[in-house]
Amino acid sequence: MSDLLTGRIAATINSALGSIFLDADLVRTVPAAVQTDKLDPTPATYRYSCKAIHERYGASLIRDGLVQTDDVRVLILANSLKVWGTTEDVSDAIQPRPGDRITIRHRTFVIVPAGTGGQPAVDGDAARAVWDCRCRG
């Protein structure tokens, strides 16, 4: 059952919405202290192309304190994640996480830090088809 959800349904959603979602980039910077190559003191930056859209949160979520007025909801099609500049599918390996930057139409959003109260920083559906990211920017 899990394979059906994460495989066929995610692929179908990606195919159906891929033309509606916009070209985007997900960028992750990994501090030197976290990298496996301790000889390189510079942070590593990884870029992934994807399809995403953004929207403002509704007034009720702001009023209830679940998001801030400047928070933005960014939806990423999970199956669209590729190593930037290639067709290498990384959708099974890459999950957006707090601190990642997402650029859509020259506008950059940053996923809220871990532990921020209210709506989760990153959430996904059962089919692992769409990543729901709470961002600022």
Protein backbone atom coordinates (compact mmCIF):
# COMPACT_ATOMS: atom_id res chain seq x y z
CA MET A 1 0.00 0.00 0.00
CA SER A 2 2.80 2.42 0.86
CA ASP A 3 4.39 1.85 -2.55
CA LEU A 4 1.11 2.71 -4.27
CA LEU A 5 0.82 5.97 -2.36
CA THR A 6 4.41 7.11 -2.78
CA GLY A 7 4.72 5.89 -6.33
CA ARG A 8 1.73 6.07 -8.62
CA ILE A 9 -0.29 8.74 -6.86
CA ALA A 10 2.70 11.06 -6.46
CA ALA A 11 3.60 10.58 -10.14
CA THR A 12 0.00 11.25 -11.21
CA ILE A 13 -0.19 14.44 -9.13
CA ASN A 14 3.16 15.59 -10.53
CA SER A 15 1.96 14.98 -14.10
CA ALA A 16 -1.39 16.65 -13.53
CA LEU A 17 -0.08 19.78 -11.78
CA GLY A 18 3.37 20.13 -13.31
CA SER A 19 2.14 22.54 -15.98
CA ILE A 20 0.28 24.69 -13.43
CA PHE A 21 3.11 24.97 -10.89
CA LEU A 22 5.98 27.35 -11.66
CA ASP A 23 9.65 26.64 -12.22
CA ALA A 24 11.49 27.10 -8.93
CA ASP A 25 14.78 26.41 -7.17
CA LEU A 26 15.29 24.95 -3.72
CA VAL A 27 18.68 25.90 -2.24
CA ARG A 28 20.20 24.34 0.87
CA THR A 29 23.38 25.55 2.55
CA VAL A 30 25.11 23.05 4.82
CA PRO A 31 27.52 24.57 7.36
CA ALA A 32 31.11 23.31 7.22
CA ALA A 33 30.74 21.80 10.71
CA VAL A 34 28.05 19.41 9.42
CA GLN A 35 29.83 18.30 6.26
CA THR A 36 31.59 14.97 6.01
CA ASP A 37 34.72 16.55 4.50
CA LYS A 38 36.20 18.28 7.57
CA LEU A 39 39.14 19.61 5.52
CA ASP A 40 36.95 22.08 3.64
CA PRO A 41 35.97 25.00 5.93
CA THR A 42 33.48 26.54 3.51
CA PRO A 43 29.77 25.84 3.66
CA ALA A 44 28.39 23.69 0.85
CA THR A 45 25.44 24.91 -1.20
CA TYR A 46 23.15 22.46 -2.99
CA ARG A 47 20.60 23.55 -5.62
CA TYR A 48 17.59 21.60 -6.80
CA SER A 49 15.12 22.56 -9.50
CA CYS A 50 11.46 21.91 -8.84
CA LYS A 51 7.91 23.02 -9.53
CA ALA A 52 6.27 25.17 -6.85
CA ILE A 53 3.62 27.80 -6.16
CA HIS A 54 3.10 30.22 -3.30
CA GLU A 55 0.12 31.86 -1.65
CA ARG A 56 -0.73 33.93 1.39
CA TYR A 57 -2.22 32.24 4.42
CA GLY A 58 -5.86 32.90 5.26
CA ALA A 59 -6.92 35.47 7.83
CA SER A 60 -8.17 32.82 10.27
CA LEU A 61 -4.72 31.18 10.56
CA ILE A 62 -3.15 34.60 11.18
CA ARG A 63 -5.85 35.57 13.69
CA ASP A 64 -5.45 32.25 15.56
CA GLY A 65 -1.68 32.78 15.80
CA LEU A 66 -0.81 29.72 13.73
CA VAL A 67 1.16 31.80 11.20
CA GLN A 68 2.52 35.35 11.11
CA THR A 69 1.17 38.01 8.77
CA ASP A 70 4.32 37.83 6.61
CA ASP A 71 4.31 34.02 6.35
CA VAL A 72 3.78 32.50 2.91
CA ARG A 73 2.70 28.98 2.02
CA VAL A 74 4.91 27.36 -0.63
CA LEU A 75 3.81 24.07 -2.19
CA ILE A 76 6.46 21.97 -3.95
CA LEU A 77 5.69 18.99 -6.17
CA ALA A 78 7.88 16.33 -4.59
CA ASN A 79 8.43 14.35 -7.81
CA SER A 80 9.67 17.50 -9.55
CA LEU A 81 12.81 17.79 -7.39
CA LYS A 82 15.94 17.38 -9.53
CA VAL A 83 19.60 18.18 -9.04
CA TRP A 84 19.87 21.64 -10.58
CA GLY A 85 20.93 21.58 -14.22
CA THR A 86 20.34 17.82 -14.63
CA THR A 87 17.48 15.38 -14.91
CA GLU A 88 18.68 13.43 -11.86
CA ASP A 89 15.58 12.58 -9.82
CA VAL A 90 16.17 13.22 -6.11
CA SER A 91 12.54 13.21 -5.01
CA ASP A 92 13.07 10.19 -2.75
CA ALA A 93 16.17 11.67 -1.11
CA ILE A 94 15.36 15.36 -0.73
CA GLN A 95 12.78 16.72 1.65
CA PRO A 96 12.62 20.49 2.20
CA ARG A 97 13.70 21.49 5.68
CA PRO A 98 13.84 24.62 7.86
CA GLY A 99 16.30 27.18 6.54
CA ASP A 100 16.08 26.04 2.91
CA ARG A 101 15.46 28.82 0.40
CA ILE A 102 12.91 28.52 -2.40
CA THR A 103 12.98 30.93 -5.34
CA ILE A 104 9.90 31.33 -7.53
CA ARG A 105 9.82 33.99 -10.25
CA HIS A 106 12.84 35.83 -8.80
CA ARG A 107 11.29 35.98 -5.33
CA THR A 108 13.03 34.07 -2.58
CA PHE A 109 11.29 32.56 0.45
CA VAL A 110 13.00 30.95 3.46
CA ILE A 111 11.40 28.04 5.33
CA VAL A 112 10.80 29.10 8.94
CA PRO A 113 13.22 27.82 11.60
CA ALA A 114 12.56 24.52 13.36
CA GLY A 115 10.59 24.96 16.56
CA THR A 116 8.65 27.97 15.30
CA GLY A 117 5.22 27.74 16.90
CA GLY A 118 2.04 27.28 14.91
CA GLN A 119 1.85 25.56 11.54
CA PRO A 120 4.76 23.15 10.86
CA ALA A 121 7.77 24.44 8.91
CA VAL A 122 7.44 21.53 6.45
CA ASP A 123 4.60 19.10 6.08
CA GLY A 124 3.73 16.52 3.46
CA ASP A 125 0.79 14.45 2.40
CA ALA A 126 0.44 10.68 2.74
CA ALA A 127 1.38 10.13 -0.91
CA ARG A 128 4.55 12.23 -0.53
CA ALA A 129 3.37 14.12 -3.61
CA VAL A 130 3.45 17.69 -2.30
CA TRP A 131 5.64 19.39 0.29
CA ASP A 132 3.81 22.15 2.18
CA CYS A 133 6.37 24.71 3.40
CA ARG A 134 5.75 27.61 5.76
CA CYS A 135 8.06 30.38 4.60
CA ARG A 136 8.97 34.02 5.04
CA GLY A 137 10.19 36.42 2.45
